[in-house]
Amino acid sequence: MAGFGIDTSIASFEEVANAIQQQDNEKKIDKKMVESLNLSISNNNISKEIVDLILNQYGYKKTDEIKIKDYMNIVDDFKAKK
């Protein structure tokens, strides 16, 4: 035997799709989402203390730090605090 072989592997469609989804979840929300969330907080008179409490639960200090993966949970938390 010559000792030649293939040492590489090919990712399946599902593996690639999962990797892309994981990368997207780690991205921060866009400017429009931040502005919309901030406007909603203001319009619903949610106190700074409540905002800080909710953001701190997810490891954030400001709304422009929020990652896509946490956005809907944070929005739901704000709705529950109204």
C-alpha atoms as a PDB file:
ATOM      1  CA  MET A   1       0.000   0.000   0.000  1.00  0.00           C
ATOM      2  CA  ALA A   2       1.174   3.488  -0.799  1.00  0.00           C
ATOM      3  CA  GLY A   3      -0.378   5.044   2.293  1.00  0.00           C
ATOM      4  CA  PHE A   4      -2.522   7.557   0.456  1.00  0.00           C
ATOM      5  CA  GLY A   5      -5.829   8.445   1.988  1.00  0.00           C
ATOM      6  CA  ILE A   6      -8.399  11.137   2.380  1.00  0.00           C
ATOM      7  CA  ASP A   7      -8.271  12.915   5.718  1.00  0.00           C
ATOM      8  CA  THR A   8     -10.997  15.451   5.048  1.00  0.00           C
ATOM      9  CA  SER A   9     -14.691  15.217   5.694  1.00  0.00           C
ATOM     10  CA  ILE A  10     -17.624  16.885   4.059  1.00  0.00           C
ATOM     11  CA  ALA A  11     -20.276  18.570   6.167  1.00  0.00           C
ATOM     12  CA  SER A  12     -23.868  17.635   5.531  1.00  0.00           C
ATOM     13  CA  PHE A  13     -26.466  20.226   4.576  1.00  0.00           C
ATOM     14  CA  GLU A  14     -27.880  20.073   8.100  1.00  0.00           C
ATOM     15  CA  GLU A  15     -24.468  20.671   9.669  1.00  0.00           C
ATOM     16  CA  VAL A  16     -23.852  23.708   7.469  1.00  0.00           C
ATOM     17  CA  ALA A  17     -27.361  25.080   8.130  1.00  0.00           C
ATOM     18  CA  ASN A  18     -26.880  24.640  11.890  1.00  0.00           C
ATOM     19  CA  ALA A  19     -23.509  26.409  11.767  1.00  0.00           C
ATOM     20  CA  ILE A  20     -25.002  29.342   9.864  1.00  0.00           C
ATOM     21  CA  GLN A  21     -27.919  29.553  12.300  1.00  0.00           C
ATOM     22  CA  GLN A  22     -25.509  29.521  15.242  1.00  0.00           C
ATOM     23  CA  GLN A  23     -23.492  32.379  13.719  1.00  0.00           C
ATOM     24  CA  ASP A  24     -26.658  34.404  13.085  1.00  0.00           C
ATOM     25  CA  ASN A  25     -27.783  33.937  16.685  1.00  0.00           C
ATOM     26  CA  GLU A  26     -24.531  35.435  17.941  1.00  0.00           C
ATOM     27  CA  LYS A  27     -24.992  38.632  15.921  1.00  0.00           C
ATOM     28  CA  LYS A  28     -26.268  41.737  17.642  1.00  0.00           C
ATOM     29  CA  ILE A  29     -29.718  43.054  16.796  1.00  0.00           C
ATOM     30  CA  ASP A  30     -29.749  45.768  14.148  1.00  0.00           C
ATOM     31  CA  LYS A  31     -30.223  49.490  14.691  1.00  0.00           C
ATOM     32  CA  LYS A  32     -33.953  49.407  13.839  1.00  0.00           C
ATOM     33  CA  MET A  33     -34.586  46.697  16.422  1.00  0.00           C
ATOM     34  CA  VAL A  34     -32.698  48.692  19.074  1.00  0.00           C
ATOM     35  CA  GLU A  35     -34.639  51.850  18.247  1.00  0.00           C
ATOM     36  CA  SER A  36     -37.952  49.987  18.273  1.00  0.00           C
ATOM     37  CA  LEU A  37     -37.207  48.364  21.628  1.00  0.00           C
ATOM     38  CA  ASN A  38     -36.094  51.665  23.156  1.00  0.00           C
ATOM     39  CA  LEU A  39     -39.227  53.408  21.872  1.00  0.00           C
ATOM     40  CA  SER A  40     -41.422  50.664  23.299  1.00  0.00           C
ATOM     41  CA  ILE A  41     -39.662  50.915  26.670  1.00  0.00           C
ATOM     42  CA  SER A  42     -40.224  54.665  26.669  1.00  0.00           C
ATOM     43  CA  ASN A  43     -43.851  54.507  25.486  1.00  0.00           C
ATOM     44  CA  ASN A  44     -44.702  51.945  28.163  1.00  0.00           C
ATOM     45  CA  ASN A  45     -42.978  53.935  30.918  1.00  0.00           C
ATOM     46  CA  ILE A  46     -40.763  51.006  31.907  1.00  0.00           C
ATOM     47  CA  SER A  47     -38.380  52.251  34.586  1.00  0.00           C
ATOM     48  CA  LYS A  48     -34.606  52.214  34.192  1.00  0.00           C
ATOM     49  CA  GLU A  49     -34.428  49.811  37.142  1.00  0.00           C
ATOM     50  CA  ILE A  50     -36.659  47.281  35.351  1.00  0.00           C
ATOM     51  CA  VAL A  51     -34.722  47.717  32.101  1.00  0.00           C
ATOM     52  CA  ASP A  52     -31.434  47.153  33.927  1.00  0.00           C
ATOM     53  CA  LEU A  53     -32.823  44.140  35.774  1.00  0.00           C
ATOM     54  CA  ILE A  54     -34.035  42.437  32.590  1.00  0.00           C
ATOM     55  CA  LEU A  55     -30.892  43.206  30.604  1.00  0.00           C
ATOM     56  CA  ASN A  56     -28.669  41.996  33.455  1.00  0.00           C
ATOM     57  CA  GLN A  57     -30.456  38.628  33.440  1.00  0.00           C
ATOM     58  CA  TYR A  58     -29.033  38.093  29.956  1.00  0.00           C
ATOM     59  CA  GLY A  59     -25.628  39.642  30.629  1.00  0.00           C
ATOM     60  CA  TYR A  60     -26.247  42.988  28.914  1.00  0.00           C
ATOM     61  CA  LYS A  61     -25.892  46.556  30.133  1.00  0.00           C
ATOM     62  CA  LYS A  62     -27.481  48.365  27.148  1.00  0.00           C
ATOM     63  CA  THR A  63     -30.112  47.485  24.546  1.00  0.00           C
ATOM     64  CA  ASP A  64     -27.642  47.887  21.675  1.00  0.00           C
ATOM     65  CA  GLU A  65     -25.643  44.915  23.023  1.00  0.00           C
ATOM     66  CA  ILE A  66     -28.529  42.423  22.689  1.00  0.00           C
ATOM     67  CA  LYS A  67     -27.883  39.399  20.501  1.00  0.00           C
ATOM     68  CA  ILE A  68     -30.495  37.988  18.154  1.00  0.00           C
ATOM     69  CA  LYS A  69     -30.708  34.755  20.161  1.00  0.00           C
ATOM     70  CA  ASP A  70     -31.951  36.658  23.257  1.00  0.00           C
ATOM     71  CA  TYR A  71     -34.066  39.358  21.634  1.00  0.00           C
ATOM     72  CA  MET A  72     -37.516  37.742  21.725  1.00  0.00           C
ATOM     73  CA  ASN A  73     -37.060  36.502  25.293  1.00  0.00           C
ATOM     74  CA  ILE A  74     -36.098  40.009  26.382  1.00  0.00           C
ATOM     75  CA  VAL A  75     -39.094  41.509  24.556  1.00  0.00           C
ATOM     76  CA  ASP A  76     -41.356  38.970  26.279  1.00  0.00           C
ATOM     77  CA  ASP A  77     -39.833  39.880  29.654  1.00  0.00           C
ATOM     78  CA  PHE A  78     -40.563  43.561  29.027  1.00  0.00           C
ATOM     79  CA  LYS A  79     -44.161  42.727  28.051  1.00  0.00           C
ATOM     80  CA  ALA A  80     -44.587  40.812  31.296  1.00  0.00           C
ATOM     81  CA  LYS A  81     -43.328  43.799  33.333  1.00  0.00           C
ATOM     82  CA  LYS A  82     -45.831  46.288  31.876  1.00  0.00           C
END
